[in-house]
Amino acid sequence: MNRATLTLLALLLICALSLVAAQQRARKLFVALERAQIEERKLNQEWLRLEYEQRNLSKSARIRDLARNQLHMVPISPERTLYLRDAQ
């Protein structure tokens, strides 16, 4: 074999090895992308759940029930209202 053939063979071998390495890197990046997308979906679902929970916790009926039951608050009635007048 002559020198040009050996050079081309070595160049072909280097190209083939770099192609294999590039494909392996692409596979690793694809797997990382898939994992990141799965994590994104999980976080999105958690965010939606937290928003739903926040809406439920801030509803006025729930606040009224908690005020009555836990804080023992009662609605205002006119007979329990004390009016103060200015002494002028």
PDB file of N, CA and C in Angstrom:
ATOM      1  N   MET A   1       0.838  -1.168   0.000  1.00  0.00           N
ATOM      2  CA  MET A   1       0.000   0.000   0.000  1.00  0.00           C
ATOM      3  C   MET A   1       0.890   1.241   0.000  1.00  0.00           C
ATOM      4  N   ASN A   2       0.409   2.183  -0.663  1.00  0.00           N
ATOM      5  CA  ASN A   2       1.216   3.403  -0.716  1.00  0.00           C
ATOM      6  C   ASN A   2       0.829   4.353   0.410  1.00  0.00           C
ATOM      7  N   ARG A   3       1.552   5.403   0.494  1.00  0.00           N
ATOM      8  CA  ARG A   3       1.408   6.365   1.587  1.00  0.00           C
ATOM      9  C   ARG A   3       0.030   7.066   1.558  1.00  0.00           C
ATOM     10  N   ALA A   4      -0.480   7.426   0.394  1.00  0.00           N
ATOM     11  CA  ALA A   4      -1.762   8.119   0.266  1.00  0.00           C
ATOM     12  C   ALA A   4      -2.907   7.226   0.748  1.00  0.00           C
ATOM     13  N   THR A   5      -2.841   5.945   0.446  1.00  0.00           N
ATOM     14  CA  THR A   5      -3.877   5.018   0.869  1.00  0.00           C
ATOM     15  C   THR A   5      -3.903   4.899   2.396  1.00  0.00           C
ATOM     16  N   LEU A   6      -2.724   4.799   3.005  1.00  0.00           N
ATOM     17  CA  LEU A   6      -2.647   4.705   4.462  1.00  0.00           C
ATOM     18  C   LEU A   6      -3.156   5.989   5.125  1.00  0.00           C
ATOM     19  N   THR A   7      -2.860   7.117   4.539  1.00  0.00           N
ATOM     20  CA  THR A   7      -3.322   8.397   5.073  1.00  0.00           C
ATOM     21  C   THR A   7      -4.843   8.485   4.988  1.00  0.00           C
ATOM     22  N   LEU A   8      -5.403   8.103   3.843  1.00  0.00           N
ATOM     23  CA  LEU A   8      -6.846   8.128   3.689  1.00  0.00           C
ATOM     24  C   LEU A   8      -7.529   7.128   4.619  1.00  0.00           C
ATOM     25  N   LEU A   9      -6.924   5.977   4.827  1.00  0.00           N
ATOM     26  CA  LEU A   9      -7.462   4.980   5.739  1.00  0.00           C
ATOM     27  C   LEU A   9      -7.477   5.506   7.183  1.00  0.00           C
ATOM     28  N   ALA A  10      -6.383   6.151   7.585  1.00  0.00           N
ATOM     29  CA  ALA A  10      -6.314   6.732   8.931  1.00  0.00           C
ATOM     30  C   ALA A  10      -7.348   7.848   9.078  1.00  0.00           C
ATOM     31  N   LEU A  11      -7.486   8.676   8.061  1.00  0.00           N
ATOM     32  CA  LEU A  11      -8.463   9.759   8.084  1.00  0.00           C
ATOM     33  C   LEU A  11      -9.888   9.199   8.165  1.00  0.00           C
ATOM     34  N   LEU A  12     -10.159   8.142   7.423  1.00  0.00           N
ATOM     35  CA  LEU A  12     -11.466   7.497   7.462  1.00  0.00           C
ATOM     36  C   LEU A  12     -11.749   6.915   8.847  1.00  0.00           C
ATOM     37  N   LEU A  13     -10.747   6.310   9.449  1.00  0.00           N
ATOM     38  CA  LEU A  13     -10.901   5.749  10.787  1.00  0.00           C
ATOM     39  C   LEU A  13     -11.178   6.851  11.821  1.00  0.00           C
ATOM     40  N   ILE A  14     -10.492   7.959  11.724  1.00  0.00           N
ATOM     41  CA  ILE A  14     -10.702   9.088  12.634  1.00  0.00           C
ATOM     42  C   ILE A  14     -12.118   9.654  12.454  1.00  0.00           C
ATOM     43  N   CYS A  15     -12.559   9.786  11.223  1.00  0.00           N
ATOM     44  CA  CYS A  15     -13.912  10.285  10.962  1.00  0.00           C
ATOM     45  C   CYS A  15     -14.975   9.337  11.523  1.00  0.00           C
ATOM     46  N   ALA A  16     -14.764   8.049  11.342  1.00  0.00           N
ATOM     47  CA  ALA A  16     -15.718   7.063  11.852  1.00  0.00           C
ATOM     48  C   ALA A  16     -15.795   7.124  13.377  1.00  0.00           C
ATOM     49  N   LEU A  17     -14.642   7.237  14.039  1.00  0.00           N
ATOM     50  CA  LEU A  17     -14.630   7.322  15.492  1.00  0.00           C
ATOM     51  C   LEU A  17     -15.286   8.611  15.989  1.00  0.00           C
ATOM     52  N   SER A  18     -15.046   9.705  15.281  1.00  0.00           N
ATOM     53  CA  SER A  18     -15.681  10.959  15.707  1.00  0.00           C
ATOM     54  C   SER A  18     -17.185  10.914  15.466  1.00  0.00           C
ATOM     55  N   LEU A  19     -17.644  10.225  14.428  1.00  0.00           N
ATOM     56  CA  LEU A  19     -19.074  10.055  14.184  1.00  0.00           C
ATOM     57  C   LEU A  19     -19.720   9.246  15.309  1.00  0.00           C
ATOM     58  N   VAL A  20     -19.064   8.180  15.736  1.00  0.00           N
ATOM     59  CA  VAL A  20     -19.582   7.363  16.834  1.00  0.00           C
ATOM     60  C   VAL A  20     -19.646   8.188  18.116  1.00  0.00           C
ATOM     61  N   ALA A  21     -18.612   8.976  18.383  1.00  0.00           N
ATOM     62  CA  ALA A  21     -18.601   9.811  19.588  1.00  0.00           C
ATOM     63  C   ALA A  21     -19.708  10.861  19.531  1.00  0.00           C
ATOM     64  N   ALA A  22     -19.925  11.451  18.362  1.00  0.00           N
ATOM     65  CA  ALA A  22     -20.979  12.456  18.213  1.00  0.00           C
ATOM     66  C   ALA A  22     -22.364  11.833  18.423  1.00  0.00           C
ATOM     67  N   GLN A  23     -22.571  10.637  17.909  1.00  0.00           N
ATOM     68  CA  GLN A  23     -23.852   9.957  18.105  1.00  0.00           C
ATOM     69  C   GLN A  23     -24.072   9.618  19.577  1.00  0.00           C
ATOM     70  N   GLN A  24     -23.028   9.221  20.254  1.00  0.00           N
ATOM     71  CA  GLN A  24     -23.146   8.912  21.683  1.00  0.00           C
ATOM     72  C   GLN A  24     -23.492  10.167  22.482  1.00  0.00           C
ATOM     73  N   ARG A  25     -22.855  11.280  22.154  1.00  0.00           N
ATOM     74  CA  ARG A  25     -23.174  12.541  22.825  1.00  0.00           C
ATOM     75  C   ARG A  25     -24.616  12.946  22.548  1.00  0.00           C
ATOM     76  N   ALA A  26     -25.064  12.754  21.318  1.00  0.00           N
ATOM     77  CA  ALA A  26     -26.446  13.100  20.961  1.00  0.00           C
ATOM     78  C   ALA A  26     -27.430  12.231  21.749  1.00  0.00           C
ATOM     79  N   ARG A  27     -27.130  10.959  21.908  1.00  0.00           N
ATOM     80  CA  ARG A  27     -28.001  10.074  22.691  1.00  0.00           C
ATOM     81  C   ARG A  27     -28.066  10.516  24.152  1.00  0.00           C
ATOM     82  N   LYS A  28     -26.912  10.856  24.710  1.00  0.00           N
ATOM     83  CA  LYS A  28     -26.885  11.308  26.108  1.00  0.00           C
ATOM     84  C   LYS A  28     -27.679  12.597  26.273  1.00  0.00           C
ATOM     85  N   LEU A  29     -27.541  13.509  25.342  1.00  0.00           N
ATOM     86  CA  LEU A  29     -28.294  14.765  25.411  1.00  0.00           C
ATOM     87  C   LEU A  29     -29.790  14.530  25.254  1.00  0.00           C
ATOM     88  N   PHE A  30     -30.161  13.595  24.398  1.00  0.00           N
ATOM     89  CA  PHE A  30     -31.574  13.282  24.212  1.00  0.00           C
ATOM     90  C   PHE A  30     -32.168  12.698  25.489  1.00  0.00           C
ATOM     91  N   VAL A  31     -31.431  11.804  26.146  1.00  0.00           N
ATOM     92  CA  VAL A  31     -31.905  11.218  27.400  1.00  0.00           C
ATOM     93  C   VAL A  31     -32.031  12.308  28.464  1.00  0.00           C
ATOM     94  N   ALA A  32     -31.057  13.210  28.533  1.00  0.00           N
ATOM     95  CA  ALA A  32     -31.128  14.312  29.498  1.00  0.00           C
ATOM     96  C   ALA A  32     -32.326  15.213  29.199  1.00  0.00           C
ATOM     97  N   LEU A  33     -32.598  15.465  27.930  1.00  0.00           N
ATOM     98  CA  LEU A  33     -33.754  16.274  27.545  1.00  0.00           C
ATOM     99  C   LEU A  33     -35.051  15.605  27.962  1.00  0.00           C
ATOM    100  N   GLU A  34     -35.167  14.322  27.748  1.00  0.00           N
ATOM    101  CA  GLU A  34     -36.365  13.580  28.148  1.00  0.00           C
ATOM    102  C   GLU A  34     -36.568  13.650  29.660  1.00  0.00           C
ATOM    103  N   ARG A  35     -35.498  13.477  30.414  1.00  0.00           N
ATOM    104  CA  ARG A  35     -35.604  13.556  31.875  1.00  0.00           C
ATOM    105  C   ARG A  35     -36.032  14.945  32.311  1.00  0.00           C
ATOM    106  N   ALA A  36     -35.475  15.967  31.681  1.00  0.00           N
ATOM    107  CA  ALA A  36     -35.837  17.345  32.026  1.00  0.00           C
ATOM    108  C   ALA A  36     -37.304  17.619  31.697  1.00  0.00           C
ATOM    109  N   GLN A  37     -37.798  17.087  30.587  1.00  0.00           N
ATOM    110  CA  GLN A  37     -39.202  17.278  30.228  1.00  0.00           C
ATOM    111  C   GLN A  37     -40.125  16.564  31.203  1.00  0.00           C
ATOM    112  N   ILE A  38     -39.733  15.386  31.649  1.00  0.00           N
ATOM    113  CA  ILE A  38     -40.528  14.657  32.642  1.00  0.00           C
ATOM    114  C   ILE A  38     -40.563  15.449  33.942  1.00  0.00           C
ATOM    115  N   GLU A  39     -39.420  15.975  34.355  1.00  0.00           N
ATOM    116  CA  GLU A  39     -39.357  16.792  35.571  1.00  0.00           C
ATOM    117  C   GLU A  39     -40.206  18.053  35.423  1.00  0.00           C
ATOM    118  N   GLU A  40     -40.174  18.652  34.230  1.00  0.00           N
ATOM    119  CA  GLU A  40     -40.989  19.842  33.977  1.00  0.00           C
ATOM    120  C   GLU A  40     -42.473  19.521  34.129  1.00  0.00           C
ATOM    121  N   ARG A  41     -42.911  18.390  33.581  1.00  0.00           N
ATOM    122  CA  ARG A  41     -44.313  18.001  33.708  1.00  0.00           C
ATOM    123  C   ARG A  41     -44.703  17.773  35.167  1.00  0.00           C
ATOM    124  N   LYS A  42     -43.826  17.122  35.930  1.00  0.00           N
ATOM    125  CA  LYS A  42     -44.106  16.889  37.346  1.00  0.00           C
ATOM    126  C   LYS A  42     -44.229  18.211  38.096  1.00  0.00           C
ATOM    127  N   LEU A  43     -43.303  19.129  37.832  1.00  0.00           N
ATOM    128  CA  LEU A  43     -43.339  20.425  38.500  1.00  0.00           C
ATOM    129  C   LEU A  43     -44.571  21.227  38.092  1.00  0.00           C
ATOM    130  N   ASN A  44     -44.972  21.111  36.831  1.00  0.00           N
ATOM    131  CA  ASN A  44     -46.170  21.789  36.352  1.00  0.00           C
ATOM    132  C   ASN A  44     -47.409  21.262  37.069  1.00  0.00           C
ATOM    133  N   GLN A  45     -47.490  19.948  37.216  1.00  0.00           N
ATOM    134  CA  GLN A  45     -48.623  19.353  37.919  1.00  0.00           C
ATOM    135  C   GLN A  45     -48.641  19.788  39.380  1.00  0.00           C
ATOM    136  N   GLU A  46     -47.469  19.838  40.005  1.00  0.00           N
ATOM    137  CA  GLU A  46     -47.380  20.273  41.399  1.00  0.00           C
ATOM    138  C   GLU A  46     -47.801  21.732  41.532  1.00  0.00           C
ATOM    139  N   TRP A  47     -47.399  22.563  40.576  1.00  0.00           N
ATOM    140  CA  TRP A  47     -47.780  23.979  40.586  1.00  0.00           C
ATOM    141  C   TRP A  47     -49.293  24.134  40.474  1.00  0.00           C
ATOM    142  N   LEU A  48     -49.897  23.383  39.553  1.00  0.00           N
ATOM    143  CA  LEU A  48     -51.350  23.457  39.391  1.00  0.00           C
ATOM    144  C   LEU A  48     -52.069  22.985  40.650  1.00  0.00           C
ATOM    145  N   ARG A  49     -51.545  21.943  41.276  1.00  0.00           N
ATOM    146  CA  ARG A  49     -52.153  21.443  42.506  1.00  0.00           C
ATOM    147  C   ARG A  49     -52.064  22.493  43.617  1.00  0.00           C
ATOM    148  N   LEU A  50     -50.911  23.144  43.714  1.00  0.00           N
ATOM    149  CA  LEU A  50     -50.739  24.174  44.741  1.00  0.00           C
ATOM    150  C   LEU A  50     -51.640  25.381  44.490  1.00  0.00           C
ATOM    151  N   GLU A  51     -51.794  25.768  43.229  1.00  0.00           N
ATOM    152  CA  GLU A  51     -52.702  26.873  42.907  1.00  0.00           C
ATOM    153  C   GLU A  51     -54.141  26.509  43.270  1.00  0.00           C
ATOM    154  N   TYR A  52     -54.545  25.289  42.964  1.00  0.00           N
ATOM    155  CA  TYR A  52     -55.891  24.827  43.306  1.00  0.00           C
ATOM    156  C   TYR A  52     -56.092  24.847  44.823  1.00  0.00           C
ATOM    157  N   GLU A  53     -55.098  24.356  45.547  1.00  0.00           N
ATOM    158  CA  GLU A  53     -55.176  24.331  47.001  1.00  0.00           C
ATOM    159  C   GLU A  53     -55.242  25.751  47.570  1.00  0.00           C
ATOM    160  N   GLN A  54     -54.486  26.656  46.989  1.00  0.00           N
ATOM    161  CA  GLN A  54     -54.514  28.048  47.458  1.00  0.00           C
ATOM    162  C   GLN A  54     -55.885  28.675  47.222  1.00  0.00           C
ATOM    163  N   ARG A  55     -56.477  28.405  46.052  1.00  0.00           N
ATOM    164  CA  ARG A  55     -57.818  28.934  45.783  1.00  0.00           C
ATOM    165  C   ARG A  55     -58.825  28.393  46.788  1.00  0.00           C
ATOM    166  N   ASN A  56     -58.728  27.106  47.089  1.00  0.00           N
ATOM    167  CA  ASN A  56     -59.670  26.510  48.049  1.00  0.00           C
ATOM    168  C   ASN A  56     -59.474  27.078  49.442  1.00  0.00           C
ATOM    169  N   LEU A  57     -58.233  27.299  49.819  1.00  0.00           N
ATOM    170  CA  LEU A  57     -57.975  27.806  51.161  1.00  0.00           C
ATOM    171  C   LEU A  57     -58.392  29.264  51.316  1.00  0.00           C
ATOM    172  N   SER A  58     -58.458  29.986  50.219  1.00  0.00           N
ATOM    173  CA  SER A  58     -58.790  31.410  50.332  1.00  0.00           C
ATOM    174  C   SER A  58     -60.263  31.707  50.065  1.00  0.00           C
ATOM    175  N   LYS A  59     -61.077  30.700  49.901  1.00  0.00           N
ATOM    176  CA  LYS A  59     -62.505  30.934  49.688  1.00  0.00           C
ATOM    177  C   LYS A  59     -63.125  31.513  50.944  1.00  0.00           C
ATOM    178  N   SER A  60     -64.047  32.441  50.775  1.00  0.00           N
ATOM    179  CA  SER A  60     -64.626  33.148  51.916  1.00  0.00           C
ATOM    180  C   SER A  60     -65.431  32.223  52.830  1.00  0.00           C
ATOM    181  N   ALA A  61     -66.089  31.226  52.271  1.00  0.00           N
ATOM    182  CA  ALA A  61     -66.862  30.306  53.112  1.00  0.00           C
ATOM    183  C   ALA A  61     -65.935  29.530  54.041  1.00  0.00           C
ATOM    184  N   ARG A  62     -64.819  29.122  53.537  1.00  0.00           N
ATOM    185  CA  ARG A  62     -63.850  28.387  54.361  1.00  0.00           C
ATOM    186  C   ARG A  62     -63.300  29.295  55.454  1.00  0.00           C
ATOM    187  N   ILE A  63     -63.015  30.542  55.104  1.00  0.00           N
ATOM    188  CA  ILE A  63     -62.513  31.496  56.093  1.00  0.00           C
ATOM    189  C   ILE A  63     -63.566  31.746  57.170  1.00  0.00           C
ATOM    190  N   ARG A  64     -64.820  31.878  56.759  1.00  0.00           N
ATOM    191  CA  ARG A  64     -65.915  32.094  57.714  1.00  0.00           C
ATOM    192  C   ARG A  64     -66.054  30.889  58.654  1.00  0.00           C
ATOM    193  N   ASP A  65     -65.977  29.681  58.102  1.00  0.00           N
ATOM    194  CA  ASP A  65     -66.085  28.484  58.944  1.00  0.00           C
ATOM    195  C   ASP A  65     -64.930  28.398  59.937  1.00  0.00           C
ATOM    196  N   LEU A  66     -63.725  28.687  59.481  1.00  0.00           N
ATOM    197  CA  LEU A  66     -62.581  28.651  60.393  1.00  0.00           C
ATOM    198  C   LEU A  66     -62.716  29.704  61.485  1.00  0.00           C
ATOM    199  N   ALA A  67     -63.226  30.884  61.124  1.00  0.00           N
ATOM    200  CA  ALA A  67     -63.402  31.940  62.123  1.00  0.00           C
ATOM    201  C   ALA A  67     -64.432  31.522  63.161  1.00  0.00           C
ATOM    202  N   ARG A  68     -65.500  30.893  62.747  1.00  0.00           N
ATOM    203  CA  ARG A  68     -66.535  30.473  63.698  1.00  0.00           C
ATOM    204  C   ARG A  68     -66.064  29.313  64.561  1.00  0.00           C
ATOM    205  N   ASN A  69     -65.463  28.310  63.953  1.00  0.00           N
ATOM    206  CA  ASN A  69     -65.124  27.089  64.678  1.00  0.00           C
ATOM    207  C   ASN A  69     -63.843  27.203  65.496  1.00  0.00           C
ATOM    208  N   GLN A  70     -62.793  27.715  64.918  1.00  0.00           N
ATOM    209  CA  GLN A  70     -61.516  27.739  65.626  1.00  0.00           C
ATOM    210  C   GLN A  70     -61.349  28.984  66.486  1.00  0.00           C
ATOM    211  N   LEU A  71     -61.827  30.119  66.000  1.00  0.00           N
ATOM    212  CA  LEU A  71     -61.649  31.364  66.742  1.00  0.00           C
ATOM    213  C   LEU A  71     -62.884  31.744  67.550  1.00  0.00           C
ATOM    214  N   HIS A  72     -63.948  30.969  67.409  1.00  0.00           N
ATOM    215  CA  HIS A  72     -65.205  31.189  68.137  1.00  0.00           C
ATOM    216  C   HIS A  72     -65.741  32.608  67.896  1.00  0.00           C
ATOM    217  N   MET A  73     -65.684  33.053  66.701  1.00  0.00           N
ATOM    218  CA  MET A  73     -66.209  34.366  66.343  1.00  0.00           C
ATOM    219  C   MET A  73     -67.684  34.215  65.961  1.00  0.00           C
ATOM    220  N   VAL A  74     -68.443  35.267  66.184  1.00  0.00           N
ATOM    221  CA  VAL A  74     -69.865  35.256  65.836  1.00  0.00           C
ATOM    222  C   VAL A  74     -70.158  36.480  64.977  1.00  0.00           C
ATOM    223  N   PRO A  75     -71.199  36.415  64.157  1.00  0.00           N
ATOM    224  CA  PRO A  75     -71.546  37.581  63.335  1.00  0.00           C
ATOM    225  C   PRO A  75     -71.976  38.762  64.214  1.00  0.00           C
ATOM    226  N   ILE A  76     -71.827  39.932  63.691  1.00  0.00           N
ATOM    227  CA  ILE A  76     -72.195  41.148  64.423  1.00  0.00           C
ATOM    228  C   ILE A  76     -73.719  41.249  64.477  1.00  0.00           C
ATOM    229  N   SER A  77     -74.237  41.580  65.647  1.00  0.00           N
ATOM    230  CA  SER A  77     -75.677  41.803  65.786  1.00  0.00           C
ATOM    231  C   SER A  77     -75.881  43.207  66.353  1.00  0.00           C
ATOM    232  N   PRO A  78     -76.984  43.858  66.015  1.00  0.00           N
ATOM    233  CA  PRO A  78     -77.207  45.235  66.482  1.00  0.00           C
ATOM    234  C   PRO A  78     -77.277  45.351  68.006  1.00  0.00           C
ATOM    235  N   GLU A  79     -77.799  44.340  68.698  1.00  0.00           N
ATOM    236  CA  GLU A  79     -77.897  44.451  70.154  1.00  0.00           C
ATOM    237  C   GLU A  79     -76.542  44.322  70.846  1.00  0.00           C
ATOM    238  N   ARG A  80     -75.569  43.773  70.173  1.00  0.00           N
ATOM    239  CA  ARG A  80     -74.234  43.660  70.767  1.00  0.00           C
ATOM    240  C   ARG A  80     -73.315  44.791  70.323  1.00  0.00           C
ATOM    241  N   THR A  81     -73.813  45.702  69.509  1.00  0.00           N
ATOM    242  CA  THR A  81     -72.994  46.783  68.997  1.00  0.00           C
ATOM    243  C   THR A  81     -73.039  47.960  69.961  1.00  0.00           C
ATOM    244  N   LEU A  82     -71.902  48.492  70.257  1.00  0.00           N
ATOM    245  CA  LEU A  82     -71.792  49.632  71.158  1.00  0.00           C
ATOM    246  C   LEU A  82     -71.372  50.838  70.333  1.00  0.00           C
ATOM    247  N   TYR A  83     -72.206  51.889  70.361  1.00  0.00           N
ATOM    248  CA  TYR A  83     -71.923  53.105  69.609  1.00  0.00           C
ATOM    249  C   TYR A  83     -71.378  54.179  70.549  1.00  0.00           C
ATOM    250  N   LEU A  84     -70.304  54.784  70.175  1.00  0.00           N
ATOM    251  CA  LEU A  84     -69.710  55.874  70.963  1.00  0.00           C
ATOM    252  C   LEU A  84     -69.966  57.179  70.261  1.00  0.00           C
ATOM    253  N   ARG A  85     -70.284  58.184  71.057  1.00  0.00           N
ATOM    254  CA  ARG A  85     -70.516  59.501  70.495  1.00  0.00           C
ATOM    255  C   ARG A  85     -69.435  60.442  70.970  1.00  0.00           C
ATOM    256  N   ASP A  86     -69.164  61.401  70.144  1.00  0.00           N
ATOM    257  CA  ASP A  86     -68.183  62.424  70.482  1.00  0.00           C
ATOM    258  C   ASP A  86     -68.783  63.331  71.558  1.00  0.00           C
ATOM    259  N   ALA A  87     -68.011  63.739  72.510  1.00  0.00           N
ATOM    260  CA  ALA A  87     -68.506  64.532  73.651  1.00  0.00           C
ATOM    261  C   ALA A  87     -68.635  66.004  73.351  1.00  0.00           C
ATOM    262  N   GLN A  88     -68.780  66.449  72.186  1.00  0.00           N
ATOM    263  CA  GLN A  88     -68.858  67.873  71.840  1.00  0.00           C
ATOM    264  C   GLN A  88     -70.188  68.446  72.087  1.00  0.00           C
TER     265      GLN A  88
END
